[in-house]
All heavy atoms as atom14 arrays in JSON, in Angstrom:
{
  "sequence": "VGPLVVGMLSDLIASDGRGPAEGLRWALVISSGL",
  "atom14_mask": [
    [1, 1, 1, 1, 1, 1, 1, 0, 0, 0, 0, 0, 0, 0],
    [1, 1, 1, 1, 0, 0, 0, 0, 0, 0, 0, 0, 0, 0],
    [1, 1, 1, 1, 1, 1, 1, 0, 0, 0, 0, 0, 0, 0],
    [1, 1, 1, 1, 1, 1, 1, 1, 0, 0, 0, 0, 0, 0],
    [1, 1, 1, 1, 1, 1, 1, 0, 0, 0, 0, 0, 0, 0],
    [1, 1, 1, 1, 1, 1, 1, 0, 0, 0, 0, 0, 0, 0],
    [1, 1, 1, 1, 0, 0, 0, 0, 0, 0, 0, 0, 0, 0],
    [1, 1, 1, 1, 1, 1, 1, 1, 0, 0, 0, 0, 0, 0],
    [1, 1, 1, 1, 1, 1, 1, 1, 0, 0, 0, 0, 0, 0],
    [1, 1, 1, 1, 1, 1, 0, 0, 0, 0, 0, 0, 0, 0],
    [1, 1, 1, 1, 1, 1, 1, 1, 0, 0, 0, 0, 0, 0],
    [1, 1, 1, 1, 1, 1, 1, 1, 0, 0, 0, 0, 0, 0],
    [1, 1, 1, 1, 1, 1, 1, 1, 0, 0, 0, 0, 0, 0],
    [1, 1, 1, 1, 1, 0, 0, 0, 0, 0, 0, 0, 0, 0],
    [1, 1, 1, 1, 1, 1, 0, 0, 0, 0, 0, 0, 0, 0],
    [1, 1, 1, 1, 1, 1, 1, 1, 0, 0, 0, 0, 0, 0],
    [1, 1, 1, 1, 0, 0, 0, 0, 0, 0, 0, 0, 0, 0],
    [1, 1, 1, 1, 1, 1, 1, 1, 1, 1, 1, 0, 0, 0],
    [1, 1, 1, 1, 0, 0, 0, 0, 0, 0, 0, 0, 0, 0],
    [1, 1, 1, 1, 1, 1, 1, 0, 0, 0, 0, 0, 0, 0],
    [1, 1, 1, 1, 1, 0, 0, 0, 0, 0, 0, 0, 0, 0],
    [1, 1, 1, 1, 1, 1, 1, 1, 1, 0, 0, 0, 0, 0],
    [1, 1, 1, 1, 0, 0, 0, 0, 0, 0, 0, 0, 0, 0],
    [1, 1, 1, 1, 1, 1, 1, 1, 0, 0, 0, 0, 0, 0],
    [1, 1, 1, 1, 1, 1, 1, 1, 1, 1, 1, 0, 0, 0],
    [1, 1, 1, 1, 1, 1, 1, 1, 1, 1, 1, 1, 1, 1],
    [1, 1, 1, 1, 1, 0, 0, 0, 0, 0, 0, 0, 0, 0],
    [1, 1, 1, 1, 1, 1, 1, 1, 0, 0, 0, 0, 0, 0],
    [1, 1, 1, 1, 1, 1, 1, 0, 0, 0, 0, 0, 0, 0],
    [1, 1, 1, 1, 1, 1, 1, 1, 0, 0, 0, 0, 0, 0],
    [1, 1, 1, 1, 1, 1, 0, 0, 0, 0, 0, 0, 0, 0],
    [1, 1, 1, 1, 1, 1, 0, 0, 0, 0, 0, 0, 0, 0],
    [1, 1, 1, 1, 0, 0, 0, 0, 0, 0, 0, 0, 0, 0],
    [1, 1, 1, 1, 1, 1, 1, 1, 0, 0, 0, 0, 0, 0]
  ],
  "atom14_positions": [
    [[9.48, 17.99, -3.52], [8.82, 16.93, -2.89], [7.67, 16.29, -3.79], [7.39, 15.1, -3.83], [8.25, 17.23, -1.53], [7.46, 16.22, -0.94], [9.36, 17.78, -0.57], [0.0, 0.0, 0.0], [0.0, 0.0, 0.0], [0.0, 0.0, 0.0], [0.0, 0.0, 0.0], [0.0, 0.0, 0.0], [0.0, 0.0, 0.0], [0.0, 0.0, 0.0]],
    [[7.02, 17.14, -4.57], [5.82, 16.72, -5.35], [6.1, 15.51, -6.23], [5.48, 14.47, -6.11], [0.0, 0.0, 0.0], [0.0, 0.0, 0.0], [0.0, 0.0, 0.0], [0.0, 0.0, 0.0], [0.0, 0.0, 0.0], [0.0, 0.0, 0.0], [0.0, 0.0, 0.0], [0.0, 0.0, 0.0], [0.0, 0.0, 0.0], [0.0, 0.0, 0.0]],
    [[7.08, 15.62, -7.23], [7.42, 14.41, -8.0], [7.86, 13.22, -7.23], [7.59, 12.09, -7.54], [8.52, 14.98, -8.9], [8.32, 16.46, -8.97], [7.86, 16.8, -7.6], [0.0, 0.0, 0.0], [0.0, 0.0, 0.0], [0.0, 0.0, 0.0], [0.0, 0.0, 0.0], [0.0, 0.0, 0.0], [0.0, 0.0, 0.0], [0.0, 0.0, 0.0]],
    [[8.59, 13.44, -6.09], [9.02, 12.29, -5.19], [7.83, 11.58, -4.63], [7.7, 10.37, -4.58], [9.88, 12.79, -4.09], [11.35, 13.1, -4.4], [12.07, 13.61, -3.17], [12.0, 11.9, -4.99], [0.0, 0.0, 0.0], [0.0, 0.0, 0.0], [0.0, 0.0, 0.0], [0.0, 0.0, 0.0], [0.0, 0.0, 0.0], [0.0, 0.0, 0.0]],
    [[6.9, 12.39, -4.14], [5.64, 11.83, -3.53], [4.84, 10.98, -4.57], [4.44, 9.84, -4.3], [4.72, 12.9, -2.94], [3.37, 12.39, -2.61], [5.4, 13.54, -1.66], [0.0, 0.0, 0.0], [0.0, 0.0, 0.0], [0.0, 0.0, 0.0], [0.0, 0.0, 0.0], [0.0, 0.0, 0.0], [0.0, 0.0, 0.0], [0.0, 0.0, 0.0]],
    [[4.67, 11.54, -5.69], [3.87, 10.87, -6.78], [4.7, 9.6, -7.25], [4.11, 8.54, -7.45], [3.62, 11.77, -7.95], [2.98, 11.03, -9.09], [2.69, 12.91, -7.53], [0.0, 0.0, 0.0], [0.0, 0.0, 0.0], [0.0, 0.0, 0.0], [0.0, 0.0, 0.0], [0.0, 0.0, 0.0], [0.0, 0.0, 0.0], [0.0, 0.0, 0.0]],
    [[5.97, 9.79, -7.37], [6.77, 8.64, -7.77], [6.82, 7.46, -6.78], [6.63, 6.32, -7.18], [0.0, 0.0, 0.0], [0.0, 0.0, 0.0], [0.0, 0.0, 0.0], [0.0, 0.0, 0.0], [0.0, 0.0, 0.0], [0.0, 0.0, 0.0], [0.0, 0.0, 0.0], [0.0, 0.0, 0.0], [0.0, 0.0, 0.0], [0.0, 0.0, 0.0]],
    [[6.92, 7.86, -5.53], [6.92, 6.84, -4.44], [5.54, 6.07, -4.43], [5.43, 4.83, -4.26], [7.24, 7.38, -3.12], [8.74, 7.71, -2.94], [9.17, 8.14, -1.18], [8.41, 9.75, -1.13], [0.0, 0.0, 0.0], [0.0, 0.0, 0.0], [0.0, 0.0, 0.0], [0.0, 0.0, 0.0], [0.0, 0.0, 0.0], [0.0, 0.0, 0.0]],
    [[4.49, 6.88, -4.45], [3.14, 6.29, -4.47], [2.99, 5.39, -5.65], [2.34, 4.28, -5.53], [2.09, 7.48, -4.53], [1.68, 8.07, -3.12], [0.75, 9.26, -3.41], [0.96, 7.0, -2.17], [0.0, 0.0, 0.0], [0.0, 0.0, 0.0], [0.0, 0.0, 0.0], [0.0, 0.0, 0.0], [0.0, 0.0, 0.0], [0.0, 0.0, 0.0]],
    [[3.44, 5.87, -6.84], [3.28, 5.01, -8.0], [3.91, 3.67, -7.88], [3.43, 2.68, -8.2], [3.77, 5.83, -9.28], [3.75, 5.06, -10.39], [0.0, 0.0, 0.0], [0.0, 0.0, 0.0], [0.0, 0.0, 0.0], [0.0, 0.0, 0.0], [0.0, 0.0, 0.0], [0.0, 0.0, 0.0], [0.0, 0.0, 0.0], [0.0, 0.0, 0.0]],
    [[5.2, 3.71, -7.45], [6.0, 2.53, -7.23], [5.27, 1.55, -6.21], [5.23, 0.28, -6.44], [7.35, 2.79, -6.73], [8.26, 3.31, -7.92], [8.0, 3.04, -9.08], [9.25, 3.97, -7.63], [0.0, 0.0, 0.0], [0.0, 0.0, 0.0], [0.0, 0.0, 0.0], [0.0, 0.0, 0.0], [0.0, 0.0, 0.0], [0.0, 0.0, 0.0]],
    [[4.76, 2.15, -5.15], [4.14, 1.34, -4.13], [2.86, 0.74, -4.5], [2.6, -0.52, -4.33], [3.79, 2.37, -2.88], [3.16, 1.74, -1.62], [4.11, 0.68, -1.02], [2.75, 2.75, -0.7], [0.0, 0.0, 0.0], [0.0, 0.0, 0.0], [0.0, 0.0, 0.0], [0.0, 0.0, 0.0], [0.0, 0.0, 0.0], [0.0, 0.0, 0.0]],
    [[2.0, 1.45, -5.28], [0.72, 0.87, -5.75], [1.06, -0.14, -6.84], [0.39, -1.2, -6.98], [-0.18, 2.07, -6.23], [-0.55, 2.96, -5.09], [-1.5, 1.42, -6.96], [-1.29, 4.21, -5.58], [0.0, 0.0, 0.0], [0.0, 0.0, 0.0], [0.0, 0.0, 0.0], [0.0, 0.0, 0.0], [0.0, 0.0, 0.0], [0.0, 0.0, 0.0]],
    [[2.03, 0.24, -7.72], [2.39, -0.81, -8.73], [2.88, -2.1, -8.26], [2.6, -3.17, -8.77], [3.46, -0.14, -9.73], [0.0, 0.0, 0.0], [0.0, 0.0, 0.0], [0.0, 0.0, 0.0], [0.0, 0.0, 0.0], [0.0, 0.0, 0.0], [0.0, 0.0, 0.0], [0.0, 0.0, 0.0], [0.0, 0.0, 0.0], [0.0, 0.0, 0.0]],
    [[3.65, -2.08, -7.09], [4.23, -3.22, -6.57], [3.11, -4.14, -5.93], [3.48, -5.34, -5.61], [5.34, -2.94, -5.6], [4.66, -2.16, -4.41], [0.0, 0.0, 0.0], [0.0, 0.0, 0.0], [0.0, 0.0, 0.0], [0.0, 0.0, 0.0], [0.0, 0.0, 0.0], [0.0, 0.0, 0.0], [0.0, 0.0, 0.0], [0.0, 0.0, 0.0]],
    [[1.95, -3.57, -5.76], [0.87, -4.37, -5.11], [0.1, -5.14, -6.13], [-0.99, -5.67, -5.91], [-0.12, -3.37, -4.38], [-0.99, -4.0, -3.48], [-0.61, -5.15, -2.78], [-2.17, -3.56, -3.29], [0.0, 0.0, 0.0], [0.0, 0.0, 0.0], [0.0, 0.0, 0.0], [0.0, 0.0, 0.0], [0.0, 0.0, 0.0], [0.0, 0.0, 0.0]],
    [[0.66, -5.27, -7.36], [0.11, -6.07, -8.44], [-0.68, -5.32, -9.46], [-1.24, -5.97, -10.4], [0.0, 0.0, 0.0], [0.0, 0.0, 0.0], [0.0, 0.0, 0.0], [0.0, 0.0, 0.0], [0.0, 0.0, 0.0], [0.0, 0.0, 0.0], [0.0, 0.0, 0.0], [0.0, 0.0, 0.0], [0.0, 0.0, 0.0], [0.0, 0.0, 0.0]],
    [[-0.83, -4.11, -9.29], [-1.63, -3.29, -10.26], [-0.8, -2.75, -11.5], [-1.43, -2.29, -12.49], [-2.22, -2.0, -9.61], [-3.1, -2.39, -8.39], [-3.87, -1.21, -7.85], [-4.61, -1.63, -6.64], [-5.48, -0.82, -6.15], [-5.84, 0.34, -6.6], [-6.15, -1.19, -5.0], [0.0, 0.0, 0.0], [0.0, 0.0, 0.0], [0.0, 0.0, 0.0]],
    [[0.51, -2.88, -11.53], [1.29, -2.53, -12.55], [1.64, -1.02, -12.68], [1.01, -0.25, -11.88], [0.0, 0.0, 0.0], [0.0, 0.0, 0.0], [0.0, 0.0, 0.0], [0.0, 0.0, 0.0], [0.0, 0.0, 0.0], [0.0, 0.0, 0.0], [0.0, 0.0, 0.0], [0.0, 0.0, 0.0], [0.0, 0.0, 0.0], [0.0, 0.0, 0.0]],
    [[2.53, -0.71, -13.56], [2.99, 0.76, -13.56], [1.92, 1.72, -14.01], [1.94, 2.87, -13.68], [4.23, 0.63, -14.45], [4.07, -0.58, -15.27], [3.35, -1.55, -14.31], [0.0, 0.0, 0.0], [0.0, 0.0, 0.0], [0.0, 0.0, 0.0], [0.0, 0.0, 0.0], [0.0, 0.0, 0.0], [0.0, 0.0, 0.0], [0.0, 0.0, 0.0]],
    [[1.08, 1.3, -14.92], [0.06, 2.15, -15.46], [-1.03, 2.52, -14.42], [-1.22, 3.75, -14.14], [-0.61, 1.61, -16.69], [0.0, 0.0, 0.0], [0.0, 0.0, 0.0], [0.0, 0.0, 0.0], [0.0, 0.0, 0.0], [0.0, 0.0, 0.0], [0.0, 0.0, 0.0], [0.0, 0.0, 0.0], [0.0, 0.0, 0.0], [0.0, 0.0, 0.0]],
    [[-1.63, 1.59, -13.75], [-2.55, 1.8, -12.66], [-1.91, 2.41, -11.5], [-2.5, 3.18, -10.76], [-3.3, 0.56, -12.37], [-4.22, 0.03, -13.42], [-5.33, 1.14, -13.77], [-6.05, 1.59, -12.96], [-5.37, 1.48, -14.99], [0.0, 0.0, 0.0], [0.0, 0.0, 0.0], [0.0, 0.0, 0.0], [0.0, 0.0, 0.0], [0.0, 0.0, 0.0]],
    [[-0.68, 2.02, -11.22], [0.04, 2.63, -10.03], [0.22, 4.14, -10.22], [-0.12, 4.91, -9.29], [0.0, 0.0, 0.0], [0.0, 0.0, 0.0], [0.0, 0.0, 0.0], [0.0, 0.0, 0.0], [0.0, 0.0, 0.0], [0.0, 0.0, 0.0], [0.0, 0.0, 0.0], [0.0, 0.0, 0.0], [0.0, 0.0, 0.0], [0.0, 0.0, 0.0]],
    [[0.56, 4.55, -11.43], [0.69, 5.96, -11.65], [-0.62, 6.7, -11.67], [-0.78, 7.76, -11.1], [1.42, 6.23, -12.9], [1.7, 7.63, -13.38], [2.45, 8.41, -12.25], [2.49, 7.73, -14.71], [0.0, 0.0, 0.0], [0.0, 0.0, 0.0], [0.0, 0.0, 0.0], [0.0, 0.0, 0.0], [0.0, 0.0, 0.0], [0.0, 0.0, 0.0]],
    [[-1.68, 6.02, -12.3], [-3.01, 6.69, -12.3], [-3.48, 6.97, -10.89], [-3.94, 8.08, -10.62], [-4.04, 5.73, -13.0], [-5.4, 6.32, -13.19], [-6.44, 5.27, -13.24], [-6.3, 4.39, -14.36], [-6.92, 4.52, -15.58], [-7.65, 5.61, -15.78], [-6.75, 3.68, -16.58], [0.0, 0.0, 0.0], [0.0, 0.0, 0.0], [0.0, 0.0, 0.0]],
    [[-3.4, 6.03, -9.98], [-3.94, 6.21, -8.63], [-3.04, 7.08, -7.83], [-3.58, 7.77, -6.87], [-4.28, 4.91, -7.98], [-5.54, 4.24, -8.71], [-5.46, 3.26, -9.49], [-6.84, 4.68, -8.49], [-6.79, 3.02, -9.96], [-7.58, 3.91, -9.33], [-7.46, 5.68, -7.73], [-9.04, 4.04, -9.34], [-8.78, 5.82, -7.82], [-9.58, 5.06, -8.69]],
    [[-1.75, 7.08, -8.03], [-0.93, 8.11, -7.42], [-1.33, 9.52, -7.72], [-1.4, 10.42, -6.86], [0.54, 7.8, -7.74], [0.0, 0.0, 0.0], [0.0, 0.0, 0.0], [0.0, 0.0, 0.0], [0.0, 0.0, 0.0], [0.0, 0.0, 0.0], [0.0, 0.0, 0.0], [0.0, 0.0, 0.0], [0.0, 0.0, 0.0], [0.0, 0.0, 0.0]],
    [[-1.68, 9.77, -8.97], [-2.1, 11.09, -9.38], [-3.44, 11.45, -8.75], [-3.67, 12.59, -8.38], [-2.14, 11.2, -10.88], [-0.74, 11.03, -11.58], [-0.95, 10.94, -13.15], [0.13, 12.26, -11.37], [0.0, 0.0, 0.0], [0.0, 0.0, 0.0], [0.0, 0.0, 0.0], [0.0, 0.0, 0.0], [0.0, 0.0, 0.0], [0.0, 0.0, 0.0]],
    [[-4.37, 10.43, -8.71], [-5.73, 10.7, -8.14], [-5.53, 11.11, -6.65], [-6.14, 12.08, -6.24], [-6.56, 9.45, -8.34], [-7.83, 9.59, -7.39], [-6.91, 9.23, -9.78], [0.0, 0.0, 0.0], [0.0, 0.0, 0.0], [0.0, 0.0, 0.0], [0.0, 0.0, 0.0], [0.0, 0.0, 0.0], [0.0, 0.0, 0.0], [0.0, 0.0, 0.0]],
    [[-4.73, 10.28, -5.91], [-4.58, 10.6, -4.52], [-4.0, 11.94, -4.27], [-4.42, 12.67, -3.4], [-3.72, 9.41, -3.79], [-4.48, 8.1, -3.9], [-3.35, 9.85, -2.47], [-3.62, 6.93, -3.51], [0.0, 0.0, 0.0], [0.0, 0.0, 0.0], [0.0, 0.0, 0.0], [0.0, 0.0, 0.0], [0.0, 0.0, 0.0], [0.0, 0.0, 0.0]],
    [[-2.98, 12.31, -5.03], [-2.29, 13.62, -4.8], [-3.28, 14.74, -5.12], [-3.09, 15.85, -4.54], [-1.09, 13.74, -5.74], [-1.47, 13.7, -7.15], [0.0, 0.0, 0.0], [0.0, 0.0, 0.0], [0.0, 0.0, 0.0], [0.0, 0.0, 0.0], [0.0, 0.0, 0.0], [0.0, 0.0, 0.0], [0.0, 0.0, 0.0], [0.0, 0.0, 0.0]],
    [[-4.29, 14.63, -5.91], [-5.25, 15.66, -6.14], [-5.99, 16.08, -4.98], [-6.37, 17.33, -4.75], [-6.23, 15.25, -7.25], [-5.61, 14.83, -8.48], [0.0, 0.0, 0.0], [0.0, 0.0, 0.0], [0.0, 0.0, 0.0], [0.0, 0.0, 0.0], [0.0, 0.0, 0.0], [0.0, 0.0, 0.0], [0.0, 0.0, 0.0], [0.0, 0.0, 0.0]],
    [[-6.21, 15.15, -3.95], [-6.89, 15.48, -2.79], [-6.23, 16.58, -1.91], [-6.88, 17.2, -1.05], [0.0, 0.0, 0.0], [0.0, 0.0, 0.0], [0.0, 0.0, 0.0], [0.0, 0.0, 0.0], [0.0, 0.0, 0.0], [0.0, 0.0, 0.0], [0.0, 0.0, 0.0], [0.0, 0.0, 0.0], [0.0, 0.0, 0.0], [0.0, 0.0, 0.0]],
    [[-4.91, 16.8, -2.2], [-4.26, 17.86, -1.4], [-4.65, 19.26, -1.72], [-4.34, 20.23, -0.95], [-2.68, 17.73, -1.65], [-1.97, 16.49, -1.01], [-0.55, 16.44, -1.49], [-2.11, 16.44, 0.44], [0.0, 0.0, 0.0], [0.0, 0.0, 0.0], [0.0, 0.0, 0.0], [0.0, 0.0, 0.0], [0.0, 0.0, 0.0], [0.0, 0.0, 0.0]]
  ]
}
């Protein structure tokens, strides 16, 4: 589930106009809170 969660978050944030780099960055930040 871990890579799926990070991948889905990355795609979701990137599609909001932030692009693949920032999408991945913030997906990793959010997952750290777990």
